[in-house]
N, C-alpha and C. Protein backbone atom coordinates (compact mmCIF):
# COMPACT_ATOMS: atom_id res chain seq x y z
N MET A 1 -89.43 -35.46 52.64
CA MET A 1 -89.28 -36.91 52.50
C MET A 1 -90.62 -37.57 52.15
N ILE A 2 -91.67 -37.08 52.80
CA ILE A 2 -93.00 -37.65 52.54
C ILE A 2 -93.40 -37.41 51.10
N ARG A 3 -93.09 -36.16 50.62
CA ARG A 3 -93.45 -35.83 49.24
C ARG A 3 -92.68 -36.72 48.26
N ILE A 4 -91.40 -36.92 48.52
CA ILE A 4 -90.57 -37.75 47.63
C ILE A 4 -91.09 -39.18 47.62
N PHE A 5 -91.44 -39.69 48.81
CA PHE A 5 -91.94 -41.05 48.93
C PHE A 5 -93.27 -41.22 48.18
N THR A 6 -94.15 -40.21 48.29
CA THR A 6 -95.46 -40.25 47.61
C THR A 6 -95.28 -40.23 46.11
N ALA A 7 -94.37 -39.36 45.63
CA ALA A 7 -94.11 -39.26 44.19
C ALA A 7 -93.54 -40.56 43.65
N SER A 8 -92.67 -41.19 44.42
CA SER A 8 -92.08 -42.46 43.98
C SER A 8 -93.14 -43.54 43.85
N LEU A 9 -94.06 -43.56 44.80
CA LEU A 9 -95.16 -44.54 44.73
C LEU A 9 -96.03 -44.31 43.50
N ALA A 10 -96.27 -43.02 43.20
CA ALA A 10 -97.11 -42.69 42.04
C ALA A 10 -96.45 -43.17 40.76
N ILE A 11 -95.13 -42.95 40.64
CA ILE A 11 -94.39 -43.37 39.45
C ILE A 11 -94.42 -44.88 39.30
N LEU A 12 -94.22 -45.57 40.43
CA LEU A 12 -94.26 -47.03 40.41
C LEU A 12 -95.63 -47.55 40.00
N GLY A 13 -96.67 -46.85 40.48
CA GLY A 13 -98.04 -47.25 40.14
C GLY A 13 -98.30 -47.11 38.66
N VAL A 14 -97.84 -45.99 38.07
CA VAL A 14 -98.04 -45.76 36.64
C VAL A 14 -97.30 -46.80 35.82
N SER A 15 -96.02 -47.07 36.21
CA SER A 15 -95.22 -48.04 35.45
C SER A 15 -95.83 -49.43 35.56
N ALA A 16 -96.43 -49.73 36.69
CA ALA A 16 -97.09 -51.03 36.86
C ALA A 16 -98.29 -51.16 35.95
N CYS A 17 -99.04 -50.05 35.84
CA CYS A 17 -100.21 -50.06 34.96
C CYS A 17 -99.79 -50.25 33.51
N VAL A 18 -98.73 -49.57 33.10
CA VAL A 18 -98.26 -49.65 31.73
C VAL A 18 -97.78 -51.06 31.40
N SER A 19 -97.13 -51.70 32.36
CA SER A 19 -96.54 -53.00 32.10
C SER A 19 -97.58 -54.09 31.87
N VAL A 20 -98.78 -53.92 32.39
CA VAL A 20 -99.79 -54.96 32.23
C VAL A 20 -100.70 -54.73 31.03
N LEU A 21 -100.52 -53.63 30.30
CA LEU A 21 -101.33 -53.38 29.12
C LEU A 21 -100.97 -54.39 28.04
N PRO A 22 -101.97 -54.91 27.31
CA PRO A 22 -101.67 -55.89 26.25
C PRO A 22 -100.92 -55.24 25.10
N GLU A 23 -99.93 -55.94 24.58
CA GLU A 23 -99.17 -55.42 23.44
C GLU A 23 -99.98 -55.58 22.16
N ALA A 24 -99.80 -54.59 21.27
CA ALA A 24 -100.51 -54.67 19.99
C ALA A 24 -99.99 -55.86 19.19
N LYS A 25 -100.91 -56.65 18.66
CA LYS A 25 -100.53 -57.84 17.93
C LYS A 25 -100.18 -57.48 16.49
N VAL A 26 -98.99 -57.85 16.07
CA VAL A 26 -98.52 -57.59 14.72
C VAL A 26 -98.92 -58.77 13.84
N PRO A 27 -99.60 -58.52 12.71
CA PRO A 27 -100.00 -59.63 11.85
C PRO A 27 -98.79 -60.37 11.29
N GLU A 28 -98.94 -61.66 11.11
CA GLU A 28 -97.85 -62.47 10.57
C GLU A 28 -97.65 -62.22 9.08
N GLY A 29 -98.72 -61.80 8.40
CA GLY A 29 -98.63 -61.55 6.96
C GLY A 29 -99.58 -60.47 6.52
N LEU A 30 -99.11 -59.60 5.62
CA LEU A 30 -99.93 -58.56 5.00
C LEU A 30 -100.12 -58.92 3.53
N TYR A 31 -101.33 -58.80 3.04
CA TYR A 31 -101.64 -59.25 1.69
C TYR A 31 -102.16 -58.10 0.83
N ARG A 32 -101.87 -58.19 -0.47
CA ARG A 32 -102.30 -57.17 -1.41
C ARG A 32 -102.72 -57.83 -2.72
N PHE A 33 -103.22 -57.05 -3.67
CA PHE A 33 -103.70 -57.58 -4.94
C PHE A 33 -102.64 -57.50 -6.04
N GLY A 34 -101.76 -56.56 -5.94
CA GLY A 34 -100.94 -56.25 -7.10
C GLY A 34 -99.47 -56.22 -6.83
N PRO A 35 -98.77 -55.57 -7.78
CA PRO A 35 -99.33 -54.83 -8.91
C PRO A 35 -99.95 -55.74 -9.97
N MET A 36 -101.05 -55.24 -10.56
CA MET A 36 -101.75 -55.99 -11.61
C MET A 36 -101.22 -55.53 -12.97
N GLU A 37 -101.09 -56.47 -13.89
CA GLU A 37 -100.65 -56.15 -15.24
C GLU A 37 -101.80 -55.57 -16.06
N ALA A 38 -101.49 -54.58 -16.90
CA ALA A 38 -102.52 -53.97 -17.76
C ALA A 38 -103.02 -55.01 -18.76
N VAL A 39 -104.34 -55.11 -18.88
CA VAL A 39 -104.96 -56.09 -19.77
C VAL A 39 -105.87 -55.42 -20.79
N TYR A 40 -106.58 -54.37 -20.38
CA TYR A 40 -107.59 -53.76 -21.23
C TYR A 40 -107.18 -52.34 -21.65
N ASP A 41 -107.61 -51.98 -22.86
CA ASP A 41 -107.43 -50.61 -23.37
C ASP A 41 -108.79 -49.93 -23.42
N LEU A 42 -108.78 -48.62 -23.30
CA LEU A 42 -110.01 -47.85 -23.32
C LEU A 42 -109.97 -46.80 -24.43
N ASP A 43 -111.11 -46.60 -25.08
CA ASP A 43 -111.23 -45.52 -26.06
C ASP A 43 -112.01 -44.35 -25.47
N ALA A 44 -112.34 -44.44 -24.20
CA ALA A 44 -113.04 -43.37 -23.49
C ALA A 44 -112.41 -43.23 -22.11
N SER A 45 -112.71 -42.12 -21.45
CA SER A 45 -112.18 -41.91 -20.09
C SER A 45 -113.24 -42.32 -19.07
N ILE A 46 -112.77 -42.83 -17.94
CA ILE A 46 -113.70 -43.26 -16.89
C ILE A 46 -113.09 -42.99 -15.52
N ILE A 47 -113.92 -42.52 -14.61
CA ILE A 47 -113.51 -42.28 -13.22
C ILE A 47 -113.75 -43.56 -12.42
N ILE A 48 -112.71 -44.04 -11.78
CA ILE A 48 -112.79 -45.24 -10.95
C ILE A 48 -112.76 -44.82 -9.49
N ARG A 49 -113.90 -44.83 -8.85
CA ARG A 49 -113.96 -44.48 -7.43
C ARG A 49 -113.62 -45.69 -6.56
N GLU A 50 -113.27 -45.45 -5.32
CA GLU A 50 -113.08 -46.55 -4.38
C GLU A 50 -114.44 -47.18 -4.11
N PRO A 51 -114.55 -48.50 -4.19
CA PRO A 51 -115.86 -49.13 -3.99
C PRO A 51 -116.37 -48.94 -2.56
N GLU A 52 -117.68 -48.98 -2.43
CA GLU A 52 -118.30 -48.92 -1.11
C GLU A 52 -118.48 -50.33 -0.57
N ALA A 53 -118.50 -50.45 0.74
CA ALA A 53 -118.67 -51.75 1.39
C ALA A 53 -119.01 -51.53 2.85
N SER A 54 -119.44 -52.58 3.52
CA SER A 54 -119.68 -52.49 4.95
C SER A 54 -118.36 -52.28 5.68
N ARG A 55 -118.42 -51.83 6.91
CA ARG A 55 -117.20 -51.54 7.68
C ARG A 55 -116.33 -52.76 7.85
N LEU A 56 -116.94 -53.91 8.04
CA LEU A 56 -116.16 -55.14 8.23
C LEU A 56 -115.40 -55.51 6.97
N VAL A 57 -116.08 -55.43 5.83
CA VAL A 57 -115.47 -55.81 4.56
C VAL A 57 -114.47 -54.77 4.08
N ALA A 58 -114.72 -53.49 4.36
CA ALA A 58 -113.93 -52.41 3.78
C ALA A 58 -112.61 -52.13 4.50
N GLY A 59 -112.36 -52.76 5.62
CA GLY A 59 -111.16 -52.46 6.38
C GLY A 59 -109.96 -53.30 6.00
N ARG A 60 -109.00 -53.37 6.93
CA ARG A 60 -107.79 -54.18 6.72
C ARG A 60 -107.97 -55.61 7.20
N ALA A 61 -108.93 -55.83 8.07
CA ALA A 61 -109.13 -57.16 8.65
C ALA A 61 -109.69 -58.13 7.62
N ILE A 62 -109.39 -59.42 7.81
CA ILE A 62 -109.93 -60.48 6.98
C ILE A 62 -110.89 -61.29 7.84
N ALA A 63 -112.11 -61.45 7.35
CA ALA A 63 -113.15 -62.11 8.14
C ALA A 63 -113.52 -63.45 7.51
N ALA A 64 -113.94 -64.37 8.36
CA ALA A 64 -114.39 -65.69 7.91
C ALA A 64 -115.74 -66.01 8.54
N GLU A 65 -116.59 -66.68 7.77
CA GLU A 65 -117.91 -67.09 8.26
C GLU A 65 -117.82 -68.51 8.80
N ASP A 66 -118.27 -68.72 10.04
CA ASP A 66 -118.23 -70.06 10.61
C ASP A 66 -119.50 -70.84 10.28
N SER A 67 -119.61 -72.04 10.80
CA SER A 67 -120.74 -72.92 10.48
C SER A 67 -122.08 -72.37 10.95
N SER A 68 -122.06 -71.47 11.94
CA SER A 68 -123.30 -70.89 12.45
C SER A 68 -123.71 -69.63 11.68
N GLY A 69 -122.85 -69.19 10.77
CA GLY A 69 -123.12 -67.98 10.01
C GLY A 69 -122.52 -66.73 10.60
N ALA A 70 -121.84 -66.86 11.75
CA ALA A 70 -121.19 -65.70 12.39
C ALA A 70 -119.87 -65.40 11.70
N LEU A 71 -119.55 -64.10 11.61
CA LEU A 71 -118.29 -63.67 11.02
C LEU A 71 -117.27 -63.42 12.12
N ARG A 72 -116.08 -63.96 11.94
CA ARG A 72 -115.00 -63.79 12.92
C ARG A 72 -113.74 -63.36 12.19
N LEU A 73 -112.94 -62.53 12.86
CA LEU A 73 -111.70 -62.07 12.26
C LEU A 73 -110.68 -63.20 12.25
N VAL A 74 -109.95 -63.30 11.16
CA VAL A 74 -108.93 -64.34 11.01
C VAL A 74 -107.62 -63.83 11.62
N ARG A 75 -107.05 -64.58 12.51
CA ARG A 75 -105.85 -64.15 13.22
C ARG A 75 -104.60 -64.21 12.34
N GLY A 76 -103.73 -63.24 12.55
CA GLY A 76 -102.40 -63.29 11.95
C GLY A 76 -102.29 -62.81 10.52
N VAL A 77 -103.42 -62.48 9.88
CA VAL A 77 -103.38 -62.02 8.49
C VAL A 77 -104.23 -60.76 8.34
N GLU A 78 -103.75 -59.83 7.53
CA GLU A 78 -104.47 -58.58 7.26
C GLU A 78 -104.14 -58.13 5.84
N TRP A 79 -104.93 -57.17 5.34
CA TRP A 79 -104.63 -56.53 4.07
C TRP A 79 -103.56 -55.46 4.29
N ALA A 80 -102.75 -55.21 3.27
CA ALA A 80 -101.70 -54.20 3.36
C ALA A 80 -102.29 -52.80 3.39
N ASP A 81 -103.49 -52.64 2.86
CA ASP A 81 -104.24 -51.38 2.90
C ASP A 81 -105.70 -51.79 3.07
N THR A 82 -106.62 -50.85 3.11
CA THR A 82 -108.02 -51.24 3.16
C THR A 82 -108.35 -52.05 1.91
N SER A 83 -109.21 -53.03 2.03
CA SER A 83 -109.53 -53.89 0.90
C SER A 83 -110.13 -53.10 -0.27
N THR A 84 -110.94 -52.09 0.03
CA THR A 84 -111.56 -51.30 -1.03
C THR A 84 -110.53 -50.46 -1.78
N ARG A 85 -109.53 -49.96 -1.07
CA ARG A 85 -108.46 -49.21 -1.73
C ARG A 85 -107.62 -50.13 -2.61
N LEU A 86 -107.38 -51.34 -2.15
CA LEU A 86 -106.64 -52.31 -2.96
C LEU A 86 -107.40 -52.64 -4.23
N MET A 87 -108.72 -52.76 -4.15
CA MET A 87 -109.53 -53.05 -5.33
C MET A 87 -109.49 -51.89 -6.32
N GLN A 88 -109.60 -50.68 -5.82
CA GLN A 88 -109.55 -49.50 -6.69
C GLN A 88 -108.21 -49.43 -7.44
N THR A 89 -107.13 -49.60 -6.71
CA THR A 89 -105.80 -49.53 -7.32
C THR A 89 -105.61 -50.64 -8.35
N ALA A 90 -106.07 -51.85 -8.02
CA ALA A 90 -105.95 -52.98 -8.94
C ALA A 90 -106.72 -52.73 -10.23
N LEU A 91 -107.91 -52.15 -10.11
CA LEU A 91 -108.73 -51.87 -11.29
C LEU A 91 -108.07 -50.81 -12.17
N LEU A 92 -107.50 -49.79 -11.57
CA LEU A 92 -106.78 -48.76 -12.34
C LEU A 92 -105.60 -49.38 -13.07
N ASP A 93 -104.92 -50.33 -12.42
CA ASP A 93 -103.76 -51.00 -13.04
C ASP A 93 -104.15 -51.80 -14.28
N LEU A 94 -105.37 -52.33 -14.30
CA LEU A 94 -105.77 -53.23 -15.38
C LEU A 94 -105.99 -52.53 -16.72
N PHE A 95 -106.09 -51.20 -16.70
CA PHE A 95 -106.28 -50.45 -17.94
C PHE A 95 -104.94 -49.88 -18.38
N GLY A 96 -104.47 -50.35 -19.56
CA GLY A 96 -103.11 -50.03 -20.00
C GLY A 96 -102.91 -48.65 -20.57
N GLY A 97 -103.95 -48.02 -21.08
CA GLY A 97 -103.76 -46.68 -21.62
C GLY A 97 -103.30 -46.66 -23.06
N ALA A 98 -103.28 -47.82 -23.75
CA ALA A 98 -102.85 -47.86 -25.15
C ALA A 98 -103.92 -47.26 -26.07
N GLY A 99 -105.16 -47.27 -25.62
CA GLY A 99 -106.24 -46.69 -26.41
C GLY A 99 -106.29 -45.18 -26.24
N ALA A 100 -107.35 -44.59 -26.78
CA ALA A 100 -107.50 -43.13 -26.70
C ALA A 100 -107.98 -42.68 -25.33
N GLY A 101 -108.52 -43.61 -24.55
CA GLY A 101 -109.08 -43.26 -23.25
C GLY A 101 -108.15 -43.61 -22.11
N VAL A 102 -108.64 -43.33 -20.90
CA VAL A 102 -107.83 -43.58 -19.71
C VAL A 102 -108.74 -43.75 -18.50
N ALA A 103 -108.30 -44.55 -17.54
CA ALA A 103 -109.01 -44.71 -16.26
C ALA A 103 -108.31 -43.82 -15.24
N ILE A 104 -109.08 -43.01 -14.52
CA ILE A 104 -108.50 -42.06 -13.58
C ILE A 104 -109.19 -42.14 -12.23
N ALA A 105 -108.47 -41.74 -11.19
CA ALA A 105 -109.03 -41.67 -9.85
C ALA A 105 -109.80 -40.36 -9.71
N PRO A 106 -110.82 -40.30 -8.86
CA PRO A 106 -111.63 -39.08 -8.74
C PRO A 106 -110.88 -37.88 -8.18
N ASP A 107 -109.80 -38.12 -7.42
CA ASP A 107 -109.10 -36.99 -6.81
C ASP A 107 -108.29 -36.17 -7.82
N THR A 108 -108.23 -36.62 -9.07
CA THR A 108 -107.57 -35.81 -10.11
C THR A 108 -108.41 -34.59 -10.47
N GLY A 109 -109.73 -34.69 -10.26
CA GLY A 109 -110.62 -33.59 -10.57
C GLY A 109 -110.95 -33.46 -12.05
N ALA A 110 -110.42 -34.35 -12.88
CA ALA A 110 -110.65 -34.27 -14.32
C ALA A 110 -112.02 -34.84 -14.68
N PRO A 111 -112.70 -34.25 -15.68
CA PRO A 111 -113.98 -34.81 -16.13
C PRO A 111 -113.73 -36.09 -16.94
N ALA A 112 -114.76 -36.92 -17.06
CA ALA A 112 -114.61 -38.17 -17.80
C ALA A 112 -115.91 -38.51 -18.50
N ASP A 113 -115.81 -39.40 -19.50
CA ASP A 113 -116.99 -39.82 -20.25
C ASP A 113 -117.89 -40.72 -19.41
N TYR A 114 -117.26 -41.53 -18.56
CA TYR A 114 -118.01 -42.49 -17.75
C TYR A 114 -117.53 -42.44 -16.30
N GLU A 115 -118.30 -43.07 -15.46
CA GLU A 115 -117.93 -43.18 -14.05
C GLU A 115 -118.39 -44.55 -13.53
N LEU A 116 -117.56 -45.15 -12.70
CA LEU A 116 -117.92 -46.44 -12.12
C LEU A 116 -118.33 -46.27 -10.67
N SER A 117 -119.50 -46.81 -10.33
CA SER A 117 -119.96 -46.89 -8.95
C SER A 117 -120.08 -48.38 -8.63
N TRP A 118 -119.42 -48.82 -7.55
CA TRP A 118 -119.49 -50.25 -7.24
C TRP A 118 -119.58 -50.50 -5.75
N TRP A 119 -120.20 -51.62 -5.42
CA TRP A 119 -120.49 -52.00 -4.04
C TRP A 119 -120.01 -53.42 -3.81
N VAL A 120 -119.17 -53.61 -2.81
CA VAL A 120 -118.67 -54.94 -2.45
C VAL A 120 -119.59 -55.49 -1.36
N SER A 121 -120.43 -56.44 -1.72
CA SER A 121 -121.39 -56.99 -0.76
C SER A 121 -120.82 -58.17 0.03
N ASP A 122 -119.78 -58.82 -0.51
CA ASP A 122 -119.16 -59.93 0.21
C ASP A 122 -117.69 -60.02 -0.18
N PHE A 123 -116.84 -60.15 0.82
CA PHE A 123 -115.42 -60.39 0.59
C PHE A 123 -114.89 -61.07 1.84
N THR A 124 -115.29 -62.32 1.99
CA THR A 124 -115.00 -63.07 3.21
C THR A 124 -114.58 -64.50 2.87
N LEU A 125 -114.15 -65.20 3.91
CA LEU A 125 -113.81 -66.60 3.79
C LEU A 125 -114.94 -67.47 4.32
N SER A 126 -115.08 -68.64 3.73
CA SER A 126 -115.96 -69.67 4.25
C SER A 126 -115.13 -70.95 4.28
N ASP A 127 -114.63 -71.29 5.47
CA ASP A 127 -113.69 -72.40 5.62
C ASP A 127 -112.46 -72.11 4.75
N THR A 128 -112.22 -72.88 3.70
CA THR A 128 -111.03 -72.67 2.86
C THR A 128 -111.37 -71.99 1.53
N THR A 129 -112.57 -71.45 1.43
CA THR A 129 -113.01 -70.81 0.18
C THR A 129 -113.08 -69.30 0.35
N GLY A 130 -112.41 -68.58 -0.53
CA GLY A 130 -112.49 -67.13 -0.56
C GLY A 130 -113.63 -66.70 -1.47
N ARG A 131 -114.44 -65.75 -1.01
CA ARG A 131 -115.61 -65.35 -1.79
C ARG A 131 -115.62 -63.83 -2.00
N CYS A 132 -115.96 -63.44 -3.22
CA CYS A 132 -116.08 -62.01 -3.53
C CYS A 132 -117.34 -61.79 -4.35
N ARG A 133 -118.08 -60.75 -3.99
CA ARG A 133 -119.32 -60.42 -4.71
C ARG A 133 -119.40 -58.90 -4.85
N ILE A 134 -119.53 -58.44 -6.08
CA ILE A 134 -119.52 -57.00 -6.38
C ILE A 134 -120.66 -56.65 -7.33
N ARG A 135 -121.36 -55.56 -7.02
CA ARG A 135 -122.33 -55.00 -7.96
C ARG A 135 -121.70 -53.75 -8.56
N ALA A 136 -121.52 -53.75 -9.88
CA ALA A 136 -120.86 -52.64 -10.58
C ALA A 136 -121.88 -51.91 -11.45
N THR A 137 -121.85 -50.59 -11.38
CA THR A 137 -122.78 -49.76 -12.15
C THR A 137 -121.99 -48.76 -12.98
N LEU A 138 -122.24 -48.76 -14.28
CA LEU A 138 -121.60 -47.81 -15.20
C LEU A 138 -122.50 -46.60 -15.36
N LEU A 139 -121.96 -45.42 -15.07
CA LEU A 139 -122.72 -44.16 -15.15
C LEU A 139 -122.21 -43.28 -16.26
N ASP A 140 -123.10 -42.46 -16.80
CA ASP A 140 -122.69 -41.40 -17.72
C ASP A 140 -121.89 -40.37 -16.93
N GLY A 141 -120.71 -40.03 -17.41
CA GLY A 141 -119.84 -39.13 -16.66
C GLY A 141 -120.38 -37.71 -16.53
N ARG A 142 -121.24 -37.31 -17.43
CA ARG A 142 -121.77 -35.94 -17.39
C ARG A 142 -123.08 -35.87 -16.62
N THR A 143 -124.01 -36.77 -16.90
CA THR A 143 -125.34 -36.71 -16.28
C THR A 143 -125.47 -37.66 -15.08
N ARG A 144 -124.53 -38.62 -14.95
CA ARG A 144 -124.56 -39.66 -13.92
C ARG A 144 -125.79 -40.57 -14.09
N LYS A 145 -126.30 -40.63 -15.30
CA LYS A 145 -127.38 -41.55 -15.61
C LYS A 145 -126.84 -42.98 -15.63
N VAL A 146 -127.62 -43.92 -15.08
CA VAL A 146 -127.21 -45.33 -15.08
C VAL A 146 -127.30 -45.88 -16.49
N LEU A 147 -126.18 -46.40 -16.98
CA LEU A 147 -126.12 -46.97 -18.32
C LEU A 147 -126.18 -48.49 -18.30
N ASP A 148 -125.50 -49.09 -17.36
CA ASP A 148 -125.46 -50.55 -17.27
C ASP A 148 -125.12 -50.96 -15.85
N GLN A 149 -125.50 -52.19 -15.53
CA GLN A 149 -125.19 -52.71 -14.20
C GLN A 149 -124.97 -54.21 -14.30
N THR A 150 -124.07 -54.72 -13.47
CA THR A 150 -123.82 -56.16 -13.45
C THR A 150 -123.51 -56.62 -12.04
N LEU A 151 -123.76 -57.90 -11.78
CA LEU A 151 -123.45 -58.50 -10.49
C LEU A 151 -122.39 -59.57 -10.73
N ILE A 152 -121.27 -59.44 -10.07
CA ILE A 152 -120.13 -60.35 -10.28
C ILE A 152 -119.87 -61.13 -9.00
N SER A 153 -119.70 -62.43 -9.14
CA SER A 153 -119.42 -63.28 -7.99
C SER A 153 -118.29 -64.25 -8.36
N THR A 154 -117.24 -64.30 -7.54
CA THR A 154 -116.12 -65.19 -7.79
C THR A 154 -115.73 -65.91 -6.50
N SER A 155 -114.98 -66.99 -6.65
CA SER A 155 -114.50 -67.72 -5.48
C SER A 155 -113.17 -68.39 -5.82
N ALA A 156 -112.42 -68.73 -4.79
CA ALA A 156 -111.14 -69.43 -4.96
C ALA A 156 -110.94 -70.32 -3.74
N THR A 157 -110.39 -71.49 -3.97
CA THR A 157 -110.17 -72.46 -2.89
C THR A 157 -108.72 -72.47 -2.46
N ALA A 158 -108.49 -72.44 -1.17
CA ALA A 158 -107.13 -72.44 -0.62
C ALA A 158 -106.47 -73.80 -0.82
N GLU A 159 -105.14 -73.79 -0.92
CA GLU A 159 -104.39 -75.03 -1.08
C GLU A 159 -104.26 -75.80 0.23
N GLY A 160 -104.56 -75.14 1.33
CA GLY A 160 -104.50 -75.78 2.64
C GLY A 160 -105.40 -75.05 3.62
N LYS A 161 -105.26 -75.37 4.90
CA LYS A 161 -106.15 -74.79 5.90
C LYS A 161 -105.48 -73.76 6.80
N THR A 162 -104.24 -73.40 6.53
CA THR A 162 -103.60 -72.37 7.34
C THR A 162 -104.22 -71.02 7.02
N ASN A 163 -104.12 -70.10 7.95
CA ASN A 163 -104.69 -68.76 7.72
C ASN A 163 -104.00 -68.06 6.56
N ALA A 164 -102.72 -68.29 6.39
CA ALA A 164 -101.99 -67.69 5.27
C ALA A 164 -102.51 -68.22 3.94
N GLN A 165 -102.73 -69.51 3.85
CA GLN A 165 -103.25 -70.11 2.62
C GLN A 165 -104.67 -69.64 2.34
N ARG A 166 -105.46 -69.49 3.37
CA ARG A 166 -106.83 -69.00 3.20
C ARG A 166 -106.83 -67.54 2.76
N ALA A 167 -105.92 -66.74 3.30
CA ALA A 167 -105.82 -65.33 2.90
C ALA A 167 -105.43 -65.22 1.43
N ARG A 168 -104.54 -66.10 0.98
CA ARG A 168 -104.16 -66.08 -0.43
C ARG A 168 -105.33 -66.46 -1.33
N ALA A 169 -106.18 -67.37 -0.86
CA ALA A 169 -107.37 -67.74 -1.63
C ALA A 169 -108.33 -66.56 -1.76
N LEU A 170 -108.50 -65.82 -0.67
CA LEU A 170 -109.37 -64.64 -0.71
C LEU A 170 -108.78 -63.57 -1.63
N THR A 171 -107.45 -63.46 -1.63
CA THR A 171 -106.78 -62.53 -2.55
C THR A 171 -107.10 -62.88 -3.99
N GLU A 172 -107.01 -64.17 -4.33
CA GLU A 172 -107.29 -64.60 -5.70
C GLU A 172 -108.74 -64.34 -6.08
N ALA A 173 -109.66 -64.56 -5.14
CA ALA A 173 -111.08 -64.29 -5.41
C ALA A 173 -111.29 -62.80 -5.66
N GLY A 174 -110.63 -61.96 -4.88
CA GLY A 174 -110.74 -60.51 -5.07
C GLY A 174 -110.18 -60.06 -6.40
N LYS A 175 -109.03 -60.60 -6.79
CA LYS A 175 -108.41 -60.24 -8.07
C LYS A 175 -109.30 -60.66 -9.24
N ALA A 176 -109.92 -61.83 -9.12
CA ALA A 176 -110.82 -62.30 -10.17
C ALA A 176 -112.05 -61.40 -10.29
N CYS A 177 -112.57 -60.96 -9.16
CA CYS A 177 -113.72 -60.06 -9.13
C CYS A 177 -113.38 -58.75 -9.85
N VAL A 178 -112.24 -58.18 -9.49
CA VAL A 178 -111.82 -56.91 -10.09
C VAL A 178 -111.57 -57.07 -11.59
N SER A 179 -110.99 -58.20 -11.99
CA SER A 179 -110.75 -58.45 -13.41
C SER A 179 -112.06 -58.51 -14.19
N ASP A 180 -113.08 -59.12 -13.59
CA ASP A 180 -114.39 -59.19 -14.24
C ASP A 180 -115.03 -57.80 -14.33
N VAL A 181 -114.82 -56.97 -13.33
CA VAL A 181 -115.33 -55.59 -13.40
C VAL A 181 -114.64 -54.84 -14.54
N ALA A 182 -113.34 -55.04 -14.69
CA ALA A 182 -112.59 -54.40 -15.77
C ALA A 182 -113.11 -54.84 -17.14
N ALA A 183 -113.40 -56.14 -17.29
CA ALA A 183 -113.93 -56.65 -18.55
C ALA A 183 -115.30 -56.04 -18.84
N PHE A 184 -116.11 -55.90 -17.82
CA PHE A 184 -117.43 -55.27 -17.95
C PHE A 184 -117.29 -53.83 -18.45
N ILE A 185 -116.38 -53.08 -17.86
CA ILE A 185 -116.17 -51.69 -18.26
C ILE A 185 -115.68 -51.61 -19.70
N ALA A 186 -114.66 -52.41 -20.03
CA ALA A 186 -114.07 -52.38 -21.37
C ALA A 186 -115.12 -52.68 -22.45
N TYR A 187 -115.98 -53.64 -22.18
CA TYR A 187 -117.00 -54.02 -23.16
C TYR A 187 -118.12 -52.98 -23.25
N LYS A 188 -118.64 -52.57 -22.11
CA LYS A 188 -119.80 -51.69 -22.12
C LYS A 188 -119.48 -50.27 -22.60
N THR A 189 -118.28 -49.79 -22.35
CA THR A 189 -117.93 -48.45 -22.85
C THR A 189 -117.89 -48.44 -24.38
N VAL A 190 -117.45 -49.55 -24.97
CA VAL A 190 -117.45 -49.66 -26.44
C VAL A 190 -118.88 -49.70 -26.97
N VAL A 191 -119.73 -50.49 -26.32
CA VAL A 191 -121.12 -50.62 -26.73
C VAL A 191 -121.82 -49.27 -26.70
N HIS A 192 -121.65 -48.53 -25.62
CA HIS A 192 -122.34 -47.24 -25.50
C HIS A 192 -121.75 -46.19 -26.43
N ALA A 193 -120.48 -46.28 -26.72
CA ALA A 193 -119.88 -45.35 -27.68
C ALA A 193 -120.46 -45.59 -29.08
N GLU A 194 -120.64 -46.87 -29.44
CA GLU A 194 -121.23 -47.20 -30.74
C GLU A 194 -122.68 -46.76 -30.81
N GLU A 195 -123.41 -46.92 -29.71
CA GLU A 195 -124.81 -46.48 -29.68
C GLU A 195 -124.90 -44.97 -29.83
N ALA A 196 -123.97 -44.24 -29.20
CA ALA A 196 -123.97 -42.78 -29.31
C ALA A 196 -123.66 -42.35 -30.74
N GLU A 197 -122.76 -43.07 -31.41
CA GLU A 197 -122.43 -42.74 -32.81
C GLU A 197 -123.62 -43.00 -33.73
N ASP A 198 -124.33 -44.12 -33.46
CA ASP A 198 -125.50 -44.43 -34.28
C ASP A 198 -126.59 -43.39 -34.09
N THR A 199 -126.77 -42.94 -32.84
CA THR A 199 -127.77 -41.92 -32.56
C THR A 199 -127.42 -40.61 -33.23
N ALA A 200 -126.15 -40.24 -33.17
CA ALA A 200 -125.70 -39.00 -33.83
C ALA A 200 -125.87 -39.08 -35.32
N GLY A 201 -125.61 -40.27 -35.89
CA GLY A 201 -125.76 -40.46 -37.35
C GLY A 201 -127.21 -40.34 -37.76
N SER A 202 -128.11 -40.86 -36.94
CA SER A 202 -129.54 -40.79 -37.25
C SER A 202 -130.04 -39.35 -37.22
N VAL A 203 -129.54 -38.57 -36.28
CA VAL A 203 -129.92 -37.16 -36.17
C VAL A 203 -129.44 -36.36 -37.37
N ASP A 204 -128.21 -36.65 -37.83
CA ASP A 204 -127.65 -35.93 -38.97
C ASP A 204 -128.45 -36.20 -40.24
N LYS A 205 -128.96 -37.43 -40.36
CA LYS A 205 -129.77 -37.77 -41.53
C LYS A 205 -131.12 -37.04 -41.51
């Protein structure tokens, strides 16, 4: 009887502990970038890696900067995937494949003419303004020599002050940033291809 009584108390104690644990908060809304429509064609192949970023920026959480400069997580809204993965997927979507080239993810293992290395230095809210800042570097796919680099900064203003409206503004800022990276790639790959042709022509002469 004593053993049964002791066991019953233990079970009650465990159930009591479980009942007071805080429940995981489910976000009210999950946000994503796409699917994005194809806009650019490529005449060369390029590897699009997932961009690098700080842990706060690279996760699913959405952060906002307050008046003191401190970053705080915005309640009730999150990304549907990590923000860096969403950016990578959106950038791959923007290249239609109508040209001779193609944009590919690194896990395919295929070689490419070019490679993109990019760093997201800011992807946060400031009051009702979404801000995105990316440094993009175009590399030679064979030697990984730096060919070109650009710094892109975009912003978007929310239609209101709710967290959902602010999250949508940050989404638009992110999409604009990625679109500008795509334009940079499309232009610079053509420029370097023409330079390579001119160099080859000079050697043949």
